[in-house]
Protein backbone atom coordinates (compact mmCIF):
# COMPACT_ATOMS: atom_id res chain seq x y z
CA UNK A 1 16.47 83.48 -88.82
CA UNK A 2 18.24 82.70 -86.34
CA UNK A 3 18.89 79.01 -85.24
CA UNK A 4 19.54 78.04 -82.00
CA UNK A 5 22.14 76.10 -81.01
CA UNK A 6 19.75 73.44 -79.10
CA UNK A 7 17.91 73.57 -82.52
CA UNK A 8 20.56 72.71 -84.12
CA UNK A 9 21.36 69.69 -81.65
CA UNK A 10 18.62 67.70 -81.70
CA UNK A 11 17.86 68.33 -85.92
CA UNK A 12 15.04 70.70 -85.06
CA UNK A 13 16.07 73.51 -87.73
CA UNK A 14 17.37 72.26 -91.21
CA UNK A 15 19.49 75.40 -91.97
CA UNK A 16 20.31 74.32 -95.01
CA UNK A 17 16.00 74.55 -96.07
CA UNK A 18 15.45 77.94 -95.21
CA UNK A 19 14.40 80.11 -97.72
CA UNK A 20 12.80 83.58 -96.39
CA UNK A 21 11.22 84.37 -99.84
CA UNK A 22 10.25 81.30 -100.39
CA UNK A 23 5.97 81.81 -102.72
CA UNK A 24 4.01 80.23 -99.99
CA UNK A 25 0.50 80.21 -100.29
CA UNK A 26 -0.92 82.33 -97.16
CA UNK A 27 -3.85 80.35 -96.38
CA UNK A 28 -4.24 80.10 -92.63
CA UNK A 29 -3.98 76.71 -91.75
CA UNK A 30 -1.57 76.65 -89.01
CA UNK A 31 1.05 74.55 -87.78
CA UNK A 32 3.33 74.35 -84.20
CA UNK A 33 6.71 74.21 -85.56
CA UNK A 34 8.97 71.66 -83.08
CA UNK A 35 10.27 75.44 -82.54
CA UNK A 36 7.59 74.99 -80.47
CA UNK A 37 6.46 78.46 -82.88
CA UNK A 38 3.21 78.25 -85.36
CA UNK A 39 3.49 79.00 -88.57
CA UNK A 40 1.25 80.54 -90.97
CA UNK A 41 0.45 77.43 -93.01
CA UNK A 42 3.09 74.04 -93.47
CA UNK A 43 4.25 75.41 -96.11
CA UNK A 44 6.07 78.61 -93.83
CA UNK A 45 7.38 76.21 -91.33
CA UNK A 46 9.39 74.04 -94.51
CA UNK A 47 10.24 76.21 -97.12
CA UNK A 48 10.83 79.73 -95.58
CA UNK A 49 11.89 78.66 -91.98
CA UNK A 50 13.36 75.02 -92.89
CA UNK A 51 11.84 73.61 -89.48
CA UNK A 52 11.81 69.71 -90.37
CA UNK A 53 9.14 68.39 -87.54
CA UNK A 54 5.97 70.16 -86.84
CA UNK A 55 2.39 68.79 -85.92
CA UNK A 56 -1.16 70.56 -87.00
CA UNK A 57 -2.64 73.44 -85.26
CA UNK A 58 -1.21 76.31 -83.76
CA UNK A 59 1.20 75.96 -80.74
CA UNK A 60 -1.02 77.83 -78.19
CA UNK A 61 -4.43 76.54 -79.00
CA UNK A 62 -5.70 80.05 -80.53
CA UNK A 63 -4.93 81.74 -83.17
CA UNK A 64 -6.03 84.87 -84.99
CA UNK A 65 -5.35 85.91 -88.66
CA UNK A 66 -6.21 88.30 -91.15
CA UNK A 67 -6.03 88.16 -94.26
CA UNK A 68 -5.02 90.93 -96.27
CA UNK A 69 -3.39 92.91 -94.19
CA UNK A 70 -3.58 96.07 -97.01
CA UNK A 71 -7.70 96.37 -98.05
CA UNK A 72 -9.87 99.34 -99.36
CA UNK A 73 -13.41 97.11 -98.52
CA UNK A 74 -13.01 93.49 -96.70
CA UNK A 75 -10.72 91.61 -94.96
CA UNK A 76 -11.16 87.83 -93.70
CA UNK A 77 -10.99 87.09 -90.41
CA UNK A 78 -10.26 83.25 -89.00
CA UNK A 79 -9.96 82.59 -85.69
CA UNK A 80 -8.38 78.62 -85.21
CA UNK A 81 -8.56 76.66 -81.32
CA UNK A 82 -8.53 73.82 -80.47
CA UNK A 83 -10.65 74.05 -77.10
CA UNK A 84 -13.30 75.97 -78.52
CA UNK A 85 -14.64 78.70 -77.12
CA UNK A 86 -16.50 82.78 -77.81
CA UNK A 87 -15.04 85.13 -78.69
CA UNK A 88 -15.23 88.68 -79.26
CA UNK A 89 -13.32 90.84 -82.12
CA UNK A 90 -12.24 94.31 -81.47
CA UNK A 91 -10.87 97.13 -84.55
CA UNK A 92 -9.73 100.10 -83.38
CA UNK A 93 -7.90 103.14 -84.38
CA UNK A 94 -4.20 104.34 -84.03
CA UNK A 95 -5.93 106.56 -81.24
CA UNK A 96 -8.32 104.34 -79.71
CA UNK A 97 -11.99 104.91 -81.59
CA UNK A 98 -13.17 101.94 -81.42
CA UNK A 99 -15.03 101.08 -84.86
CA UNK A 100 -16.68 97.28 -84.87
CA UNK A 101 -17.00 94.96 -81.93
CA UNK A 102 -18.90 91.39 -82.57
CA UNK A 103 -18.88 88.52 -80.74
CA UNK A 104 -17.24 85.41 -82.86
CA UNK A 105 -19.13 81.19 -82.30
CA UNK A 106 -17.66 78.90 -80.42
CA UNK A 107 -16.21 77.04 -83.19
CA UNK A 108 -12.82 74.53 -83.10
CA UNK A 109 -12.06 76.74 -86.60
CA UNK A 110 -14.99 80.14 -87.59
CA UNK A 111 -14.22 82.27 -90.42
CA UNK A 112 -15.97 85.13 -91.91
CA UNK A 113 -14.83 88.05 -93.84
CA UNK A 114 -15.03 92.10 -92.52
CA UNK A 115 -16.42 95.82 -94.54
CA UNK A 116 -13.95 98.06 -94.26
CA UNK A 117 -15.61 100.43 -96.73
CA UNK A 118 -16.80 103.29 -94.32
CA UNK A 119 -13.84 102.99 -92.09
CA UNK A 120 -11.17 106.19 -92.80
CA UNK A 121 -7.89 105.73 -94.39
CA UNK A 122 -4.88 104.07 -91.63
CA UNK A 123 -4.13 101.97 -89.60
CA UNK A 124 -6.65 99.63 -87.19
CA UNK A 125 -5.75 97.16 -85.07
CA UNK A 126 -8.15 93.59 -83.85
CA UNK A 127 -8.17 92.35 -80.64
CA UNK A 128 -9.74 88.90 -79.96
CA UNK A 129 -10.14 87.66 -76.98
CA UNK A 130 -12.10 84.80 -75.70
CA UNK A 131 -13.93 83.61 -72.13
CA UNK A 132 -10.97 81.93 -71.25
CA UNK A 133 -9.21 85.40 -71.10
CA UNK A 134 -6.62 84.36 -74.18
CA UNK A 135 -6.53 87.19 -76.53
CA UNK A 136 -4.71 88.03 -79.57
CA UNK A 137 -3.36 90.90 -81.78
CA UNK A 138 -3.36 91.81 -85.88
CA UNK A 139 -3.40 94.94 -87.39
CA UNK A 140 -3.81 95.80 -90.93
CA UNK A 141 -4.55 98.90 -93.74
CA UNK A 142 -7.43 100.93 -94.86
CA UNK A 143 -6.05 101.93 -97.97
CA UNK A 144 -7.83 103.76 -100.98
């Protein structure tokens, strides 16, 4: 990770605490670091990236996550938003073919499993947008 001079000057990043290989949990509990970047959880912010201070929630107020990113039968999709809005989720293969379309409840925190067992092996893109037009994308790979 590159630490900018501005971050180092006001003490946002502790360069001695950066440990990219630290075994953090995979849970999605986003935090907004003092460097205005959203991190997966507190461990990712502090122990992997050296962030000294943070606030709960994403920096933008709208984030999505999928786990695992390599899966056989299902993935868990999570959305976190500071202002609950209805969202739509789309899953496309790398050729642009639509496989899944789903409406997502307007809630600050919403998580559900998506069955991918019928998808062909390959790479997929998850595209989500809310009623304000804010969108996010993630990728996953369907394996044997």
